[in-house]
Amino acid sequence: MEKEVNNKEWGLIRNDNGEWISDEYAVFLTQFDAICLKSRALHQGKELHIQHGAEGQLWCYRHELDTIDLTEPEPTKRKLNVKKIVKNNDEL
């Protein structure tokens, strides 16, 4: 009987709890991306756990990132009303 050998290279990363997971479940982020995504997740009432990898890498779980709506909201149309106040020279 022969065994099938999987020659695929597996990449493992460690989460903040010390557990090893496959890197296919992780999305690596820059510090700016991590801040923006965390803010957007909080605004939508969802959680995004930013993990800290070796050598200062930041990453998050792919399934948490997939729940966040990343579409840009339409800008609100605002009208700016400016009033100019003119004082007489006598009042100065």
N, C-alpha and C. Protein backbone atom coordinates (compact mmCIF):
# COMPACT_ATOMS: atom_id res chain seq x y z
N MET A 1 0.83 -1.17 0.00
CA MET A 1 0.00 0.00 0.00
C MET A 1 0.88 1.24 0.00
N GLU A 2 0.58 2.19 -0.87
CA GLU A 2 1.37 3.41 -0.99
C GLU A 2 0.66 4.58 -0.31
N LYS A 3 1.45 5.46 0.22
CA LYS A 3 0.90 6.67 0.82
C LYS A 3 1.05 7.82 -0.15
N GLU A 4 0.03 8.65 -0.17
CA GLU A 4 0.13 9.86 -0.98
C GLU A 4 0.83 10.92 -0.14
N VAL A 5 1.84 11.50 -0.70
CA VAL A 5 2.60 12.51 0.02
C VAL A 5 2.22 13.87 -0.54
N ASN A 6 1.84 14.75 0.34
CA ASN A 6 1.50 16.11 -0.07
C ASN A 6 2.77 16.95 -0.02
N ASN A 7 3.22 17.39 -1.16
CA ASN A 7 4.47 18.16 -1.25
C ASN A 7 4.23 19.66 -1.12
N LYS A 8 3.02 20.03 -0.82
CA LYS A 8 2.72 21.46 -0.69
C LYS A 8 3.43 22.02 0.53
N GLU A 9 4.03 23.19 0.37
CA GLU A 9 4.71 23.82 1.50
C GLU A 9 3.68 24.52 2.36
N TRP A 10 3.69 24.22 3.63
CA TRP A 10 2.76 24.83 4.58
C TRP A 10 3.47 25.93 5.33
N GLY A 11 2.79 27.04 5.47
CA GLY A 11 3.32 28.13 6.26
C GLY A 11 2.49 28.26 7.52
N LEU A 12 3.14 28.25 8.65
CA LEU A 12 2.45 28.37 9.92
C LEU A 12 2.84 29.67 10.60
N ILE A 13 1.88 30.29 11.23
CA ILE A 13 2.14 31.48 12.02
C ILE A 13 1.52 31.29 13.39
N ARG A 14 2.04 32.02 14.34
CA ARG A 14 1.55 31.91 15.71
C ARG A 14 0.69 33.12 16.03
N ASN A 15 -0.48 32.88 16.62
CA ASN A 15 -1.33 34.00 17.01
C ASN A 15 -0.92 34.50 18.39
N ASP A 16 -1.62 35.50 18.89
CA ASP A 16 -1.26 36.10 20.18
C ASP A 16 -1.46 35.14 21.35
N ASN A 17 -2.28 34.11 21.18
CA ASN A 17 -2.49 33.11 22.24
C ASN A 17 -1.44 32.00 22.21
N GLY A 18 -0.55 32.03 21.24
CA GLY A 18 0.49 31.02 21.15
C GLY A 18 0.11 29.80 20.32
N GLU A 19 -1.06 29.83 19.69
CA GLU A 19 -1.50 28.71 18.86
C GLU A 19 -0.96 28.88 17.44
N TRP A 20 -0.64 27.76 16.82
CA TRP A 20 -0.16 27.79 15.44
C TRP A 20 -1.35 27.63 14.50
N ILE A 21 -1.41 28.47 13.46
CA ILE A 21 -2.45 28.33 12.44
C ILE A 21 -1.79 28.44 11.07
N SER A 22 -2.51 27.97 10.07
CA SER A 22 -2.00 28.05 8.70
C SER A 22 -2.08 29.49 8.21
N ASP A 23 -1.09 29.90 7.42
CA ASP A 23 -1.09 31.28 6.95
C ASP A 23 -2.16 31.54 5.90
N GLU A 24 -2.86 30.52 5.42
CA GLU A 24 -3.94 30.76 4.47
C GLU A 24 -5.18 31.35 5.16
N TYR A 25 -5.23 31.31 6.47
CA TYR A 25 -6.33 31.90 7.23
C TYR A 25 -5.99 33.29 7.75
N ALA A 26 -4.87 33.83 7.34
CA ALA A 26 -4.42 35.13 7.83
C ALA A 26 -4.26 36.12 6.69
N VAL A 27 -4.45 37.39 7.00
CA VAL A 27 -4.22 38.48 6.05
C VAL A 27 -3.21 39.41 6.71
N PHE A 28 -2.07 39.61 6.09
CA PHE A 28 -1.02 40.46 6.64
C PHE A 28 -1.31 41.92 6.31
N LEU A 29 -1.09 42.78 7.28
CA LEU A 29 -1.47 44.19 7.17
C LEU A 29 -0.30 45.11 7.48
N THR A 30 -0.36 46.30 6.92
CA THR A 30 0.54 47.35 7.36
C THR A 30 -0.06 47.99 8.60
N GLN A 31 0.70 48.80 9.29
CA GLN A 31 0.18 49.44 10.49
C GLN A 31 -0.97 50.38 10.16
N PHE A 32 -0.87 51.08 9.05
CA PHE A 32 -1.93 52.00 8.62
C PHE A 32 -3.21 51.22 8.30
N ASP A 33 -3.08 50.11 7.56
CA ASP A 33 -4.24 49.28 7.23
C ASP A 33 -4.90 48.73 8.49
N ALA A 34 -4.09 48.31 9.44
CA ALA A 34 -4.63 47.76 10.68
C ALA A 34 -5.45 48.79 11.43
N ILE A 35 -4.97 50.03 11.49
CA ILE A 35 -5.70 51.09 12.18
C ILE A 35 -7.01 51.40 11.47
N CYS A 36 -6.95 51.51 10.15
CA CYS A 36 -8.16 51.83 9.37
C CYS A 36 -9.20 50.72 9.46
N LEU A 37 -8.76 49.47 9.32
CA LEU A 37 -9.69 48.36 9.38
C LEU A 37 -10.30 48.19 10.76
N LYS A 38 -9.49 48.39 11.79
CA LYS A 38 -10.01 48.29 13.16
C LYS A 38 -11.07 49.37 13.40
N SER A 39 -10.81 50.58 12.91
CA SER A 39 -11.76 51.67 13.06
C SER A 39 -13.05 51.38 12.31
N ARG A 40 -12.93 50.89 11.09
CA ARG A 40 -14.12 50.59 10.28
C ARG A 40 -14.93 49.46 10.91
N ALA A 41 -14.25 48.46 11.47
CA ALA A 41 -14.96 47.36 12.12
C ALA A 41 -15.72 47.85 13.34
N LEU A 42 -15.09 48.70 14.15
CA LEU A 42 -15.77 49.24 15.32
C LEU A 42 -16.96 50.10 14.93
N HIS A 43 -16.82 50.85 13.85
CA HIS A 43 -17.92 51.69 13.36
C HIS A 43 -19.11 50.84 12.93
N GLN A 44 -18.85 49.64 12.40
CA GLN A 44 -19.91 48.75 11.96
C GLN A 44 -20.39 47.82 13.07
N GLY A 45 -19.80 47.93 14.25
CA GLY A 45 -20.22 47.09 15.37
C GLY A 45 -19.67 45.68 15.31
N LYS A 46 -18.55 45.49 14.64
CA LYS A 46 -17.94 44.17 14.50
C LYS A 46 -16.56 44.17 15.16
N GLU A 47 -16.04 42.99 15.41
CA GLU A 47 -14.73 42.89 16.03
C GLU A 47 -13.69 42.48 15.00
N LEU A 48 -12.51 43.04 15.14
CA LEU A 48 -11.37 42.66 14.31
C LEU A 48 -10.18 42.56 15.26
N HIS A 49 -9.71 41.35 15.44
CA HIS A 49 -8.59 41.12 16.35
C HIS A 49 -7.28 41.20 15.57
N ILE A 50 -6.52 42.23 15.83
CA ILE A 50 -5.22 42.40 15.19
C ILE A 50 -4.21 41.56 15.96
N GLN A 51 -3.50 40.69 15.25
CA GLN A 51 -2.51 39.81 15.85
C GLN A 51 -1.12 40.35 15.54
N HIS A 52 -0.18 40.06 16.41
CA HIS A 52 1.20 40.53 16.25
C HIS A 52 2.10 39.34 15.97
N GLY A 53 2.67 39.33 14.78
CA GLY A 53 3.55 38.23 14.40
C GLY A 53 5.00 38.53 14.73
N ALA A 54 5.83 37.62 14.29
CA ALA A 54 7.26 37.78 14.50
C ALA A 54 7.77 38.98 13.71
N GLU A 55 8.78 39.62 14.21
CA GLU A 55 9.42 40.76 13.55
C GLU A 55 8.47 41.92 13.34
N GLY A 56 7.48 42.07 14.21
CA GLY A 56 6.58 43.21 14.14
C GLY A 56 5.50 43.15 13.08
N GLN A 57 5.27 42.00 12.49
CA GLN A 57 4.23 41.87 11.48
C GLN A 57 2.87 41.95 12.14
N LEU A 58 1.92 42.57 11.45
CA LEU A 58 0.54 42.63 11.91
C LEU A 58 -0.31 41.83 10.95
N TRP A 59 -1.26 41.10 11.50
CA TRP A 59 -2.16 40.32 10.67
C TRP A 59 -3.48 40.14 11.39
N CYS A 60 -4.50 39.74 10.62
CA CYS A 60 -5.80 39.45 11.21
C CYS A 60 -6.35 38.20 10.53
N TYR A 61 -7.38 37.63 11.14
CA TYR A 61 -8.01 36.44 10.57
C TYR A 61 -8.82 36.82 9.34
N ARG A 62 -8.72 36.00 8.30
CA ARG A 62 -9.41 36.25 7.04
C ARG A 62 -10.93 36.27 7.24
N HIS A 63 -11.47 35.36 8.07
CA HIS A 63 -12.92 35.30 8.24
C HIS A 63 -13.46 36.54 8.97
N GLU A 64 -12.66 37.17 9.82
CA GLU A 64 -13.10 38.41 10.46
C GLU A 64 -13.08 39.56 9.47
N LEU A 65 -12.08 39.59 8.60
CA LEU A 65 -11.96 40.65 7.61
C LEU A 65 -13.08 40.56 6.58
N ASP A 66 -13.52 39.34 6.26
CA ASP A 66 -14.58 39.15 5.27
C ASP A 66 -15.93 39.68 5.75
N THR A 67 -16.12 39.81 7.06
CA THR A 67 -17.41 40.30 7.58
C THR A 67 -17.51 41.82 7.54
N ILE A 68 -16.40 42.51 7.31
CA ILE A 68 -16.40 43.98 7.32
C ILE A 68 -16.74 44.50 5.93
N ASP A 69 -17.65 45.46 5.87
CA ASP A 69 -18.02 46.09 4.61
C ASP A 69 -16.94 47.10 4.25
N LEU A 70 -16.22 46.84 3.17
CA LEU A 70 -15.10 47.69 2.78
C LEU A 70 -15.45 48.69 1.68
N THR A 71 -16.73 48.77 1.29
CA THR A 71 -17.11 49.72 0.26
C THR A 71 -17.10 51.12 0.86
N GLU A 72 -16.76 52.07 0.03
CA GLU A 72 -16.71 53.46 0.47
C GLU A 72 -18.12 54.02 0.57
N PRO A 73 -18.46 54.64 1.68
CA PRO A 73 -19.79 55.26 1.79
C PRO A 73 -19.87 56.49 0.90
N GLU A 74 -21.08 56.80 0.46
CA GLU A 74 -21.26 57.99 -0.37
C GLU A 74 -21.04 59.23 0.49
N PRO A 75 -20.37 60.22 -0.05
CA PRO A 75 -20.15 61.43 0.74
C PRO A 75 -21.47 62.16 0.99
N THR A 76 -21.60 62.71 2.15
CA THR A 76 -22.81 63.46 2.47
C THR A 76 -22.72 64.84 1.85
N LYS A 77 -23.84 65.30 1.35
CA LYS A 77 -23.87 66.63 0.73
C LYS A 77 -24.21 67.64 1.82
N ARG A 78 -23.30 68.52 2.05
CA ARG A 78 -23.48 69.54 3.07
C ARG A 78 -23.37 70.92 2.44
N LYS A 79 -24.14 71.82 2.97
CA LYS A 79 -24.10 73.19 2.50
C LYS A 79 -23.49 74.04 3.61
N LEU A 80 -22.51 74.81 3.25
CA LEU A 80 -21.81 75.64 4.21
C LEU A 80 -22.38 77.05 4.15
N ASN A 81 -22.89 77.50 5.27
CA ASN A 81 -23.41 78.87 5.36
C ASN A 81 -22.41 79.71 6.14
N VAL A 82 -21.92 80.76 5.48
CA VAL A 82 -20.96 81.65 6.10
C VAL A 82 -21.59 83.02 6.25
N LYS A 83 -21.56 83.53 7.47
CA LYS A 83 -22.09 84.87 7.71
C LYS A 83 -20.92 85.79 8.02
N LYS A 84 -20.94 86.92 7.40
CA LYS A 84 -19.88 87.89 7.62
C LYS A 84 -20.39 88.95 8.58
N ILE A 85 -19.66 89.16 9.63
CA ILE A 85 -20.04 90.16 10.62
C ILE A 85 -19.15 91.39 10.38
N VAL A 86 -19.80 92.50 10.15
CA VAL A 86 -19.08 93.75 9.89
C VAL A 86 -19.30 94.67 11.09
N LYS A 87 -18.21 95.16 11.65
CA LYS A 87 -18.30 96.08 12.76
C LYS A 87 -17.97 97.49 12.28
N ASN A 88 -18.61 98.43 12.87
CA ASN A 88 -18.32 99.84 12.55
C ASN A 88 -16.98 100.21 13.20
N ASN A 89 -16.32 101.19 12.64
CA ASN A 89 -15.07 101.66 13.19
C ASN A 89 -15.28 102.31 14.55
N ASP A 90 -16.47 102.81 14.79
CA ASP A 90 -16.76 103.45 16.07
C ASP A 90 -16.75 102.44 17.22
N GLU A 91 -17.12 101.20 16.92
CA GLU A 91 -17.19 100.17 17.95
C GLU A 91 -15.85 99.59 18.29
N LEU A 92 -14.87 99.75 17.42
CA LEU A 92 -13.55 99.19 17.66
C LEU A 92 -12.85 99.99 18.66
